[in-house]
Amino acid sequence: ELVINQELAQRLREAVNRLPPRQRTVLSLRYGLSSDRDCSFR
């Protein structure tokens, strides 16, 4: 499970990096990809 989770996390980062900057920032803030907490749309 550790190997599978690490592979999924790597593929997710690659897919998010291919998004436009504003959409990438919204996803990172919404799901806490760049920080330790999630943010609301407000």
PDB file of all heavy atoms in Angstrom:
ATOM      1  N   GLU A   1       0.820  -1.207   0.000  1.00  0.00           N
ATOM      2  CA  GLU A   1       0.000   0.000   0.000  1.00  0.00           C
ATOM      3  C   GLU A   1       0.853   1.256   0.000  1.00  0.00           C
ATOM      4  O   GLU A   1       0.489   2.271  -0.617  1.00  0.00           O
ATOM      5  CB  GLU A   1      -0.926  -0.009   1.208  1.00  0.00           C
ATOM      6  CG  GLU A   1      -2.003  -1.097   1.160  1.00  0.00           C
ATOM      7  CD  GLU A   1      -2.971  -0.988   2.313  1.00  0.00           C
ATOM      8  OE1 GLU A   1      -2.797  -0.050   3.123  1.00  0.00           O
ATOM      9  OE2 GLU A   1      -3.881  -1.827   2.417  1.00  0.00           O
ATOM     10  N   LEU A   2       1.976   1.214   0.706  1.00  0.00           N
ATOM     11  CA  LEU A   2       2.854   2.386   0.705  1.00  0.00           C
ATOM     12  C   LEU A   2       3.378   2.678  -0.696  1.00  0.00           C
ATOM     13  O   LEU A   2       3.418   3.840  -1.136  1.00  0.00           O
ATOM     14  CB  LEU A   2       4.024   2.162   1.663  1.00  0.00           C
ATOM     15  CG  LEU A   2       3.712   2.235   3.165  1.00  0.00           C
ATOM     16  CD1 LEU A   2       4.957   1.874   3.971  1.00  0.00           C
ATOM     17  CD2 LEU A   2       3.212   3.613   3.542  1.00  0.00           C
ATOM     18  N   VAL A   3       3.760   1.655  -1.428  1.00  0.00           N
ATOM     19  CA  VAL A   3       4.276   1.852  -2.794  1.00  0.00           C
ATOM     20  C   VAL A   3       3.184   2.383  -3.706  1.00  0.00           C
ATOM     21  O   VAL A   3       3.397   3.306  -4.512  1.00  0.00           O
ATOM     22  CB  VAL A   3       4.859   0.527  -3.327  1.00  0.00           C
ATOM     23  CG1 VAL A   3       5.250   0.675  -4.792  1.00  0.00           C
ATOM     24  CG2 VAL A   3       6.064   0.108  -2.500  1.00  0.00           C
ATOM     25  N   ILE A   4       1.967   1.817  -3.602  1.00  0.00           N
ATOM     26  CA  ILE A   4       0.855   2.268  -4.448  1.00  0.00           C
ATOM     27  C   ILE A   4       0.494   3.720  -4.154  1.00  0.00           C
ATOM     28  O   ILE A   4       0.266   4.528  -5.067  1.00  0.00           O
ATOM     29  CB  ILE A   4      -0.364   1.341  -4.251  1.00  0.00           C
ATOM     30  CG1 ILE A   4      -0.042  -0.060  -4.770  1.00  0.00           C
ATOM     31  CG2 ILE A   4      -1.596   1.907  -4.957  1.00  0.00           C
ATOM     32  CD1 ILE A   4      -1.134  -1.077  -4.489  1.00  0.00           C
ATOM     33  N   ASN A   5       0.451   4.073  -2.867  1.00  0.00           N
ATOM     34  CA  ASN A   5       0.108   5.451  -2.498  1.00  0.00           C
ATOM     35  C   ASN A   5       1.166   6.435  -2.983  1.00  0.00           C
ATOM     36  O   ASN A   5       0.844   7.551  -3.430  1.00  0.00           O
ATOM     37  CB  ASN A   5      -0.059   5.554  -0.985  1.00  0.00           C
ATOM     38  CG  ASN A   5      -1.286   4.802  -0.494  1.00  0.00           C
ATOM     39  OD1 ASN A   5      -2.247   4.601  -1.247  1.00  0.00           O
ATOM     40  ND2 ASN A   5      -1.270   4.393   0.771  1.00  0.00           N
ATOM     41  N   GLN A   6       2.433   6.052  -2.895  1.00  0.00           N
ATOM     42  CA  GLN A   6       3.475   6.941  -3.390  1.00  0.00           C
ATOM     43  C   GLN A   6       3.386   7.131  -4.895  1.00  0.00           C
ATOM     44  O   GLN A   6       3.581   8.246  -5.418  1.00  0.00           O
ATOM     45  CB  GLN A   6       4.847   6.375  -3.007  1.00  0.00           C
ATOM     46  CG  GLN A   6       5.148   6.421  -1.509  1.00  0.00           C
ATOM     47  CD  GLN A   6       6.468   5.774  -1.176  1.00  0.00           C
ATOM     48  OE1 GLN A   6       7.167   5.251  -2.054  1.00  0.00           O
ATOM     49  NE2 GLN A   6       6.817   5.792   0.115  1.00  0.00           N
ATOM     50  N   GLU A   7       3.050   6.072  -5.623  1.00  0.00           N
ATOM     51  CA  GLU A   7       2.911   6.191  -7.083  1.00  0.00           C
ATOM     52  C   GLU A   7       1.715   7.064  -7.448  1.00  0.00           C
ATOM     53  O   GLU A   7       1.798   7.909  -8.366  1.00  0.00           O
ATOM     54  CB  GLU A   7       2.756   4.803  -7.693  1.00  0.00           C
ATOM     55  CG  GLU A   7       2.702   4.806  -9.219  1.00  0.00           C
ATOM     56  CD  GLU A   7       2.572   3.407  -9.796  1.00  0.00           C
ATOM     57  OE1 GLU A   7       2.614   2.449  -8.989  1.00  0.00           O
ATOM     58  OE2 GLU A   7       2.451   3.290 -11.021  1.00  0.00           O
ATOM     59  N   LEU A   8       0.602   6.904  -6.733  1.00  0.00           N
ATOM     60  CA  LEU A   8      -0.569   7.741  -7.009  1.00  0.00           C
ATOM     61  C   LEU A   8      -0.293   9.216  -6.704  1.00  0.00           C
ATOM     62  O   LEU A   8      -0.726  10.107  -7.448  1.00  0.00           O
ATOM     63  CB  LEU A   8      -1.762   7.250  -6.176  1.00  0.00           C
ATOM     64  CG  LEU A   8      -2.390   5.921  -6.602  1.00  0.00           C
ATOM     65  CD1 LEU A   8      -3.484   5.519  -5.625  1.00  0.00           C
ATOM     66  CD2 LEU A   8      -2.965   6.025  -8.019  1.00  0.00           C
ATOM     67  N   ALA A   9       0.414   9.479  -5.620  1.00  0.00           N
ATOM     68  CA  ALA A   9       0.740  10.862  -5.283  1.00  0.00           C
ATOM     69  C   ALA A   9       1.634  11.490  -6.344  1.00  0.00           C
ATOM     70  O   ALA A   9       1.451  12.672  -6.703  1.00  0.00           O
ATOM     71  CB  ALA A   9       1.424  10.910  -3.918  1.00  0.00           C
ATOM     72  N   GLN A  10       2.571  10.735  -6.874  1.00  0.00           N
ATOM     73  CA  GLN A  10       3.437  11.266  -7.912  1.00  0.00           C
ATOM     74  C   GLN A  10       2.662  11.565  -9.191  1.00  0.00           C
ATOM     75  O   GLN A  10       2.840  12.633  -9.810  1.00  0.00           O
ATOM     76  CB  GLN A  10       4.573  10.259  -8.191  1.00  0.00           C
ATOM     77  CG  GLN A  10       5.556  10.699  -9.261  1.00  0.00           C
ATOM     78  CD  GLN A  10       6.334  11.933  -8.859  1.00  0.00           C
ATOM     79  OE1 GLN A  10       6.517  12.190  -7.658  1.00  0.00           O
ATOM     80  NE2 GLN A  10       6.780  12.707  -9.844  1.00  0.00           N
ATOM     81  N   ARG A  11       1.762  10.680  -9.587  1.00  0.00           N
ATOM     82  CA  ARG A  11       0.946  10.913 -10.793  1.00  0.00           C
ATOM     83  C   ARG A  11      -0.001  12.084 -10.595  1.00  0.00           C
ATOM     84  O   ARG A  11      -0.264  12.850 -11.538  1.00  0.00           O
ATOM     85  CB  ARG A  11       0.162   9.647 -11.124  1.00  0.00           C
ATOM     86  CG  ARG A  11       1.031   8.472 -11.552  1.00  0.00           C
ATOM     87  CD  ARG A  11       0.196   7.246 -11.830  1.00  0.00           C
ATOM     88  NE  ARG A  11      -0.771   7.486 -12.897  1.00  0.00           N
ATOM     89  CZ  ARG A  11      -1.713   6.614 -13.260  1.00  0.00           C
ATOM     90  NH1 ARG A  11      -1.805   5.457 -12.611  1.00  0.00           N
ATOM     91  NH2 ARG A  11      -2.539   6.899 -14.244  1.00  0.00           N
ATOM     92  N   LEU A  12      -0.529  12.248  -9.378  1.00  0.00           N
ATOM     93  CA  LEU A  12      -1.417  13.372  -9.114  1.00  0.00           C
ATOM     94  C   LEU A  12      -0.666  14.696  -9.215  1.00  0.00           C
ATOM     95  O   LEU A  12      -1.186  15.684  -9.784  1.00  0.00           O
ATOM     96  CB  LEU A  12      -2.043  13.216  -7.731  1.00  0.00           C
ATOM     97  CG  LEU A  12      -2.978  14.341  -7.271  1.00  0.00           C
ATOM     98  CD1 LEU A  12      -4.165  14.460  -8.217  1.00  0.00           C
ATOM     99  CD2 LEU A  12      -3.445  14.095  -5.844  1.00  0.00           C
ATOM    100  N   ARG A  13       0.543  14.754  -8.686  1.00  0.00           N
ATOM    101  CA  ARG A  13       1.323  15.997  -8.791  1.00  0.00           C
ATOM    102  C   ARG A  13       1.634  16.340 -10.241  1.00  0.00           C
ATOM    103  O   ARG A  13       1.591  17.507 -10.645  1.00  0.00           O
ATOM    104  CB  ARG A  13       2.621  15.859  -7.987  1.00  0.00           C
ATOM    105  CG  ARG A  13       2.429  15.969  -6.474  1.00  0.00           C
ATOM    106  CD  ARG A  13       3.772  16.111  -5.778  1.00  0.00           C
ATOM    107  NE  ARG A  13       4.559  14.890  -5.916  1.00  0.00           N
ATOM    108  CZ  ARG A  13       4.561  13.900  -5.043  1.00  0.00           C
ATOM    109  NH1 ARG A  13       3.768  13.969  -3.962  1.00  0.00           N
ATOM    110  NH2 ARG A  13       5.310  12.847  -5.215  1.00  0.00           N
ATOM    111  N   GLU A  14       1.944  15.339 -11.033  1.00  0.00           N
ATOM    112  CA  GLU A  14       2.233  15.602 -12.453  1.00  0.00           C
ATOM    113  C   GLU A  14       0.999  16.108 -13.184  1.00  0.00           C
ATOM    114  O   GLU A  14       1.090  17.032 -14.021  1.00  0.00           O
ATOM    115  CB  GLU A  14       2.743  14.315 -13.105  1.00  0.00           C
ATOM    116  CG  GLU A  14       4.098  13.847 -12.579  1.00  0.00           C
ATOM    117  CD  GLU A  14       4.509  12.518 -13.170  1.00  0.00           C
ATOM    118  OE1 GLU A  14       3.703  11.939 -13.948  1.00  0.00           O
ATOM    119  OE2 GLU A  14       5.632  12.047 -12.877  1.00  0.00           O
ATOM    120  N   ALA A  15      -0.160  15.527 -12.869  1.00  0.00           N
ATOM    121  CA  ALA A  15      -1.384  15.980 -13.536  1.00  0.00           C
ATOM    122  C   ALA A  15      -1.769  17.392 -13.115  1.00  0.00           C
ATOM    123  O   ALA A  15      -2.216  18.204 -13.944  1.00  0.00           O
ATOM    124  CB  ALA A  15      -2.524  15.012 -13.230  1.00  0.00           C
ATOM    125  N   VAL A  16      -1.623  17.738 -11.838  1.00  0.00           N
ATOM    126  CA  VAL A  16      -1.966  19.087 -11.373  1.00  0.00           C
ATOM    127  C   VAL A  16      -1.015  20.113 -11.959  1.00  0.00           C
ATOM    128  O   VAL A  16      -1.424  21.240 -12.287  1.00  0.00           O
ATOM    129  CB  VAL A  16      -1.942  19.117  -9.823  1.00  0.00           C
ATOM    130  CG1 VAL A  16      -2.096  20.551  -9.314  1.00  0.00           C
ATOM    131  CG2 VAL A  16      -3.066  18.262  -9.256  1.00  0.00           C
ATOM    132  N   ASN A  17       0.247  19.769 -12.122  1.00  0.00           N
ATOM    133  CA  ASN A  17       1.211  20.725 -12.674  1.00  0.00           C
ATOM    134  C   ASN A  17       0.923  21.058 -14.132  1.00  0.00           C
ATOM    135  O   ASN A  17       1.388  22.100 -14.633  1.00  0.00           O
ATOM    136  CB  ASN A  17       2.629  20.174 -12.543  1.00  0.00           C
ATOM    137  CG  ASN A  17       3.096  20.130 -11.096  1.00  0.00           C
ATOM    138  OD1 ASN A  17       2.637  20.913 -10.266  1.00  0.00           O
ATOM    139  ND2 ASN A  17       4.005  19.206 -10.783  1.00  0.00           N
ATOM    140  N   ARG A  18       0.172  20.226 -14.854  1.00  0.00           N
ATOM    141  CA  ARG A  18      -0.169  20.503 -16.254  1.00  0.00           C
ATOM    142  C   ARG A  18      -1.392  21.406 -16.406  1.00  0.00           C
ATOM    143  O   ARG A  18      -1.741  21.804 -17.516  1.00  0.00           O
ATOM    144  CB  ARG A  18      -0.400  19.185 -17.001  1.00  0.00           C
ATOM    145  CG  ARG A  18       0.885  18.384 -17.219  1.00  0.00           C
ATOM    146  CD  ARG A  18       0.679  17.314 -18.265  1.00  0.00           C
ATOM    147  NE  ARG A  18      -0.232  16.283 -17.781  1.00  0.00           N
ATOM    148  CZ  ARG A  18       0.174  15.138 -17.210  1.00  0.00           C
ATOM    149  NH1 ARG A  18       1.475  14.914 -17.038  1.00  0.00           N
ATOM    150  NH2 ARG A  18      -0.704  14.237 -16.807  1.00  0.00           N
ATOM    151  N   LEU A  19      -2.081  21.724 -15.305  1.00  0.00           N
ATOM    152  CA  LEU A  19      -3.240  22.607 -15.348  1.00  0.00           C
ATOM    153  C   LEU A  19      -2.809  24.063 -15.479  1.00  0.00           C
ATOM    154  O   LEU A  19      -1.665  24.414 -15.156  1.00  0.00           O
ATOM    155  CB  LEU A  19      -4.082  22.426 -14.077  1.00  0.00           C
ATOM    156  CG  LEU A  19      -4.748  21.067 -13.851  1.00  0.00           C
ATOM    157  CD1 LEU A  19      -5.413  21.037 -12.488  1.00  0.00           C
ATOM    158  CD2 LEU A  19      -5.763  20.788 -14.954  1.00  0.00           C
ATOM    159  N   PRO A  20      -3.732  24.942 -15.921  1.00  0.00           N
ATOM    160  CA  PRO A  20      -3.434  26.389 -15.934  1.00  0.00           C
ATOM    161  C   PRO A  20      -3.134  26.884 -14.528  1.00  0.00           C
ATOM    162  O   PRO A  20      -3.565  26.288 -13.525  1.00  0.00           O
ATOM    163  CB  PRO A  20      -4.725  26.999 -16.488  1.00  0.00           C
ATOM    164  CG  PRO A  20      -5.344  25.917 -17.289  1.00  0.00           C
ATOM    165  CD  PRO A  20      -5.018  24.646 -16.581  1.00  0.00           C
ATOM    166  N   PRO A  21      -2.407  27.986 -14.413  1.00  0.00           N
ATOM    167  CA  PRO A  21      -1.971  28.452 -13.093  1.00  0.00           C
ATOM    168  C   PRO A  21      -3.114  28.701 -12.122  1.00  0.00           C
ATOM    169  O   PRO A  21      -3.024  28.309 -10.943  1.00  0.00           O
ATOM    170  CB  PRO A  21      -1.209  29.743 -13.400  1.00  0.00           C
ATOM    171  CG  PRO A  21      -0.768  29.594 -14.810  1.00  0.00           C
ATOM    172  CD  PRO A  21      -1.824  28.812 -15.503  1.00  0.00           C
ATOM    173  N   ARG A  22      -4.211  29.375 -12.561  1.00  0.00           N
ATOM    174  CA  ARG A  22      -5.276  29.703 -11.624  1.00  0.00           C
ATOM    175  C   ARG A  22      -6.005  28.439 -11.151  1.00  0.00           C
ATOM    176  O   ARG A  22      -6.344  28.297  -9.975  1.00  0.00           O
ATOM    177  CB  ARG A  22      -6.270  30.666 -12.281  1.00  0.00           C
ATOM    178  CG  ARG A  22      -5.623  32.009 -12.666  1.00  0.00           C
ATOM    179  CD  ARG A  22      -6.623  32.956 -13.269  1.00  0.00           C
ATOM    180  NE  ARG A  22      -7.562  33.466 -12.249  1.00  0.00           N
ATOM    181  CZ  ARG A  22      -8.523  34.354 -12.536  1.00  0.00           C
ATOM    182  NH1 ARG A  22      -8.689  34.775 -13.791  1.00  0.00           N
ATOM    183  NH2 ARG A  22      -9.326  34.777 -11.582  1.00  0.00           N
ATOM    184  N   GLN A  23      -6.252  27.490 -12.068  1.00  0.00           N
ATOM    185  CA  GLN A  23      -6.917  26.247 -11.664  1.00  0.00           C
ATOM    186  C   GLN A  23      -6.003  25.410 -10.748  1.00  0.00           C
ATOM    187  O   GLN A  23      -6.477  24.782  -9.789  1.00  0.00           O
ATOM    188  CB  GLN A  23      -7.309  25.461 -12.910  1.00  0.00           C
ATOM    189  CG  GLN A  23      -8.353  26.140 -13.777  1.00  0.00           C
ATOM    190  CD  GLN A  23      -8.692  25.322 -14.995  1.00  0.00           C
ATOM    191  OE1 GLN A  23      -8.134  24.250 -15.222  1.00  0.00           O
ATOM    192  NE2 GLN A  23      -9.625  25.839 -15.819  1.00  0.00           N
ATOM    193  N   ARG A  24      -4.715  25.442 -11.055  1.00  0.00           N
ATOM    194  CA  ARG A  24      -3.773  24.693 -10.206  1.00  0.00           C
ATOM    195  C   ARG A  24      -3.745  25.284  -8.794  1.00  0.00           C
ATOM    196  O   ARG A  24      -3.708  24.548  -7.801  1.00  0.00           O
ATOM    197  CB  ARG A  24      -2.384  24.733 -10.831  1.00  0.00           C
ATOM    198  CG  ARG A  24      -1.352  23.962 -10.030  1.00  0.00           C
ATOM    199  CD  ARG A  24      -0.033  23.803 -10.791  1.00  0.00           C
ATOM    200  NE  ARG A  24       0.590  25.083 -11.048  1.00  0.00           N
ATOM    201  CZ  ARG A  24       0.744  25.620 -12.247  1.00  0.00           C
ATOM    202  NH1 ARG A  24       0.277  24.994 -13.332  1.00  0.00           N
ATOM    203  NH2 ARG A  24       1.339  26.799 -12.411  1.00  0.00           N
ATOM    204  N   THR A  25      -3.797  26.600  -8.692  1.00  0.00           N
ATOM    205  CA  THR A  25      -3.790  27.248  -7.377  1.00  0.00           C
ATOM    206  C   THR A  25      -5.071  26.949  -6.608  1.00  0.00           C
ATOM    207  O   THR A  25      -5.034  26.701  -5.395  1.00  0.00           O
ATOM    208  CB  THR A  25      -3.619  28.766  -7.540  1.00  0.00           C
ATOM    209  OG1 THR A  25      -2.430  29.044  -8.287  1.00  0.00           O
ATOM    210  CG2 THR A  25      -3.540  29.443  -6.184  1.00  0.00           C
ATOM    211  N   VAL A  26      -6.217  26.945  -7.320  1.00  0.00           N
ATOM    212  CA  VAL A  26      -7.485  26.658  -6.651  1.00  0.00           C
ATOM    213  C   VAL A  26      -7.487  25.229  -6.090  1.00  0.00           C
ATOM    214  O   VAL A  26      -7.908  24.994  -4.942  1.00  0.00           O
ATOM    215  CB  VAL A  26      -8.659  26.889  -7.622  1.00  0.00           C
ATOM    216  CG1 VAL A  26      -9.957  26.353  -7.032  1.00  0.00           C
ATOM    217  CG2 VAL A  26      -8.814  28.366  -7.943  1.00  0.00           C
ATOM    218  N   LEU A  27      -7.038  24.260  -6.855  1.00  0.00           N
ATOM    219  CA  LEU A  27      -6.996  22.885  -6.376  1.00  0.00           C
ATOM    220  C   LEU A  27      -6.030  22.714  -5.198  1.00  0.00           C
ATOM    221  O   LEU A  27      -6.309  21.990  -4.234  1.00  0.00           O
ATOM    222  CB  LEU A  27      -6.602  21.937  -7.508  1.00  0.00           C
ATOM    223  CG  LEU A  27      -7.669  21.595  -8.538  1.00  0.00           C
ATOM    224  CD1 LEU A  27      -7.120  20.596  -9.551  1.00  0.00           C
ATOM    225  CD2 LEU A  27      -8.907  21.023  -7.876  1.00  0.00           C
ATOM    226  N   SER A  28      -4.892  23.395  -5.288  1.00  0.00           N
ATOM    227  CA  SER A  28      -3.908  23.272  -4.208  1.00  0.00           C
ATOM    228  C   SER A  28      -4.451  23.830  -2.903  1.00  0.00           C
ATOM    229  O   SER A  28      -4.238  23.256  -1.828  1.00  0.00           O
ATOM    230  CB  SER A  28      -2.615  24.000  -4.594  1.00  0.00           C
ATOM    231  OG  SER A  28      -2.043  23.428  -5.757  1.00  0.00           O
ATOM    232  N   LEU A  29      -5.168  24.975  -2.993  1.00  0.00           N
ATOM    233  CA  LEU A  29      -5.733  25.552  -1.783  1.00  0.00           C
ATOM    234  C   LEU A  29      -6.934  24.765  -1.291  1.00  0.00           C
ATOM    235  O   LEU A  29      -7.141  24.632  -0.071  1.00  0.00           O
ATOM    236  CB  LEU A  29      -6.136  27.007  -2.048  1.00  0.00           C
ATOM    237  CG  LEU A  29      -4.987  27.992  -2.328  1.00  0.00           C
ATOM    238  CD1 LEU A  29      -5.565  29.359  -2.693  1.00  0.00           C
ATOM    239  CD2 LEU A  29      -4.066  28.102  -1.131  1.00  0.00           C
ATOM    240  N   ARG A  30      -7.746  24.249  -2.205  1.00  0.00           N
ATOM    241  CA  ARG A  30      -8.957  23.548  -1.813  1.00  0.00           C
ATOM    242  C   ARG A  30      -8.658  22.240  -1.085  1.00  0.00           C
ATOM    243  O   ARG A  30      -9.309  21.905  -0.091  1.00  0.00           O
ATOM    244  CB  ARG A  30      -9.801  23.277  -3.062  1.00  0.00           C
ATOM    245  CG  ARG A  30     -11.084  22.511  -2.804  1.00  0.00           C
ATOM    246  CD  ARG A  30     -11.980  23.243  -1.852  1.00  0.00           C
ATOM    247  NE  ARG A  30     -13.251  22.546  -1.652  1.00  0.00           N
ATOM    248  CZ  ARG A  30     -14.125  22.847  -0.710  1.00  0.00           C
ATOM    249  NH1 ARG A  30     -13.874  23.849   0.151  1.00  0.00           N
ATOM    250  NH2 ARG A  30     -15.250  22.182  -0.601  1.00  0.00           N
ATOM    251  N   TYR A  31      -7.658  21.461  -1.567  1.00  0.00           N
ATOM    252  CA  TYR A  31      -7.356  20.154  -1.006  1.00  0.00           C
ATOM    253  C   TYR A  31      -6.074  20.122  -0.185  1.00  0.00           C
ATOM    254  O   TYR A  31      -5.601  19.051   0.197  1.00  0.00           O
ATOM    255  CB  TYR A  31      -7.275  19.117  -2.117  1.00  0.00           C
ATOM    256  CG  TYR A  31      -8.582  18.948  -2.852  1.00  0.00           C
ATOM    257  CD1 TYR A  31      -8.742  19.439  -4.144  1.00  0.00           C
ATOM    258  CD2 TYR A  31      -9.654  18.312  -2.257  1.00  0.00           C
ATOM    259  CE1 TYR A  31      -9.943  19.286  -4.826  1.00  0.00           C
ATOM    260  CE2 TYR A  31     -10.858  18.165  -2.919  1.00  0.00           C
ATOM    261  CZ  TYR A  31     -11.000  18.665  -4.202  1.00  0.00           C
ATOM    262  OH  TYR A  31     -12.207  18.521  -4.868  1.00  0.00           O
ATOM    263  N   GLY A  32      -5.511  21.287   0.087  1.00  0.00           N
ATOM    264  CA  GLY A  32      -4.327  21.332   0.932  1.00  0.00           C
ATOM    265  C   GLY A  32      -3.103  20.688   0.326  1.00  0.00           C
ATOM    266  O   GLY A  32      -2.282  20.131   1.061  1.00  0.00           O
ATOM    267  N   LEU A  33      -2.951  20.778  -1.007  1.00  0.00           N
ATOM    268  CA  LEU A  33      -1.789  20.167  -1.645  1.00  0.00           C
ATOM    269  C   LEU A  33      -0.511  20.940  -1.366  1.00  0.00           C
ATOM    270  O   LEU A  33       0.587  20.372  -1.395  1.00  0.00           O
ATOM    271  CB  LEU A  33      -2.016  20.080  -3.158  1.00  0.00           C
ATOM    272  CG  LEU A  33      -3.228  19.248  -3.607  1.00  0.00           C
ATOM    273  CD1 LEU A  33      -3.336  19.257  -5.127  1.00  0.00           C
ATOM    274  CD2 LEU A  33      -3.123  17.831  -3.076  1.00  0.00           C
ATOM    275  N   SER A  34      -0.650  22.235  -1.094  1.00  0.00           N
ATOM    276  CA  SER A  34       0.526  23.057  -0.837  1.00  0.00           C
ATOM    277  C   SER A  34       0.626  23.489   0.626  1.00  0.00           C
ATOM    278  O   SER A  34       1.544  24.216   0.990  1.00  0.00           O
ATOM    279  CB  SER A  34       0.505  24.303  -1.729  1.00  0.00           C
ATOM    280  OG  SER A  34      -0.690  25.051  -1.513  1.00  0.00           O
ATOM    281  N   SER A  35      -0.326  23.079   1.455  1.00  0.00           N
ATOM    282  CA  SER A  35      -0.327  23.434   2.874  1.00  0.00           C
ATOM    283  C   SER A  35      -0.935  22.282   3.667  1.00  0.00           C
ATOM    284  O   SER A  35      -1.353  21.280   3.092  1.00  0.00           O
ATOM    285  CB  SER A  35      -1.098  24.742   3.120  1.00  0.00           C
ATOM    286  OG  SER A  35      -2.448  24.592   2.740  1.00  0.00           O
ATOM    287  N   ASP A  36      -1.017  22.449   4.960  1.00  0.00           N
ATOM    288  CA  ASP A  36      -1.513  21.384   5.829  1.00  0.00           C
ATOM    289  C   ASP A  36      -3.011  21.462   6.068  1.00  0.00           C
ATOM    290  O   ASP A  36      -3.549  20.612   6.765  1.00  0.00           O
ATOM    291  CB  ASP A  36      -0.788  21.425   7.185  1.00  0.00           C
ATOM    292  CG  ASP A  36       0.696  21.122   7.041  1.00  0.00           C
ATOM    293  OD1 ASP A  36       1.052  20.449   6.057  1.00  0.00           O
ATOM    294  OD2 ASP A  36       1.481  21.569   7.901  1.00  0.00           O
ATOM    295  N   ARG A  37      -3.717  22.456   5.521  1.00  0.00           N
ATOM    296  CA  ARG A  37      -5.152  22.573   5.780  1.00  0.00           C
ATOM    297  C   ARG A  37      -5.885  22.946   4.497  1.00  0.00           C
ATOM    298  O   ARG A  37      -5.332  23.586   3.600  1.00  0.00           O
ATOM    299  CB  ARG A  37      -5.431  23.610   6.864  1.00  0.00           C
ATOM    300  CG  ARG A  37      -5.012  25.032   6.511  1.00  0.00           C
ATOM    301  CD  ARG A  37      -5.140  25.945   7.725  1.00  0.00           C
ATOM    302  NE  ARG A  37      -4.860  27.343   7.375  1.00  0.00           N
ATOM    303  CZ  ARG A  37      -5.784  28.214   7.001  1.00  0.00           C
ATOM    304  NH1 ARG A  37      -7.050  27.820   6.901  1.00  0.00           N
ATOM    305  NH2 ARG A  37      -5.466  29.461   6.724  1.00  0.00           N
ATOM    306  N   ASP A  38      -7.158  22.516   4.469  1.00  0.00           N
ATOM    307  CA  ASP A  38      -8.005  22.830   3.315  1.00  0.00           C
ATOM    308  C   ASP A  38      -8.614  24.221   3.482  1.00  0.00           C
ATOM    309  O   ASP A  38      -8.789  24.707   4.611  1.00  0.00           O
ATOM    310  CB  ASP A  38      -9.120  21.798   3.169  1.00  0.00           C
ATOM    311  CG  ASP A  38      -8.562  20.391   3.060  1.00  0.00           C
ATOM    312  OD1 ASP A  38      -7.370  20.262   2.703  1.00  0.00           O
ATOM    313  OD2 ASP A  38      -9.306  19.434   3.362  1.00  0.00           O
ATOM    314  N   CYS A  39      -8.936  24.835   2.362  1.00  0.00           N
ATOM    315  CA  CYS A  39      -9.535  26.175   2.372  1.00  0.00           C
ATOM    316  C   CYS A  39     -10.911  26.126   1.714  1.00  0.00           C
ATOM    317  O   CYS A  39     -11.130  25.364   0.761  1.00  0.00           O
ATOM    318  CB  CYS A  39      -8.649  27.183   1.628  1.00  0.00           C
ATOM    319  SG  CYS A  39      -7.010  27.400   2.349  1.00  0.00           S
ATOM    320  N   SER A  40     -11.822  26.934   2.213  1.00  0.00           N
ATOM    321  CA  SER A  40     -13.152  27.042   1.611  1.00  0.00           C
ATOM    322  C   SER A  40     -13.084  27.933   0.376  1.00  0.00           C
ATOM    323  O   SER A  40     -12.091  28.635   0.129  1.00  0.00           O
ATOM    324  CB  SER A  40     -14.141  27.617   2.634  1.00  0.00           C
ATOM    325  OG  SER A  40     -13.741  28.925   3.016  1.00  0.00           O
ATOM    326  N   PHE A  41     -14.164  27.888  -0.406  1.00  0.00           N
ATOM    327  CA  PHE A  41     -14.190  28.719  -1.622  1.00  0.00           C
ATOM    328  C   PHE A  41     -14.172  30.210  -1.280  1.00  0.00           C
ATOM    329  O   PHE A  41     -13.641  31.019  -2.048  1.00  0.00           O
ATOM    330  CB  PHE A  41     -15.441  28.383  -2.442  1.00  0.00           C
ATOM    331  CG  PHE A  41     -15.367  27.026  -3.080  1.00  0.00           C
ATOM    332  CD1 PHE A  41     -16.306  26.057  -2.774  1.00  0.00           C
ATOM    333  CD2 PHE A  41     -14.371  26.712  -3.982  1.00  0.00           C
ATOM    334  CE1 PHE A  41     -16.244  24.810  -3.347  1.00  0.00           C
ATOM    335  CE2 PHE A  41     -14.308  25.467  -4.576  1.00  0.00           C
ATOM    336  CZ  PHE A  41     -15.244  24.497  -4.253  1.00  0.00           C
ATOM    337  N   ARG A  42     -14.726  30.607  -0.155  1.00  0.00           N
ATOM    338  CA  ARG A  42     -14.702  32.017   0.234  1.00  0.00           C
ATOM    339  C   ARG A  42     -13.273  32.479   0.495  1.00  0.00           C
ATOM    340  O   ARG A  42     -12.870  33.557   0.034  1.00  0.00           O
ATOM    341  CB  ARG A  42     -15.557  32.218   1.487  1.00  0.00           C
ATOM    342  CG  ARG A  42     -15.648  33.667   1.960  1.00  0.00           C
ATOM    343  CD  ARG A  42     -16.520  33.749   3.198  1.00  0.00           C
ATOM    344  NE  ARG A  42     -15.985  32.954   4.292  1.00  0.00           N
ATOM    345  CZ  ARG A  42     -14.995  33.340   5.101  1.00  0.00           C
ATOM    346  NH1 ARG A  42     -14.437  34.529   4.932  1.00  0.00           N
ATOM    347  NH2 ARG A  42     -14.582  32.560   6.071  1.00  0.00           N
TER     348      ARG A  42
END
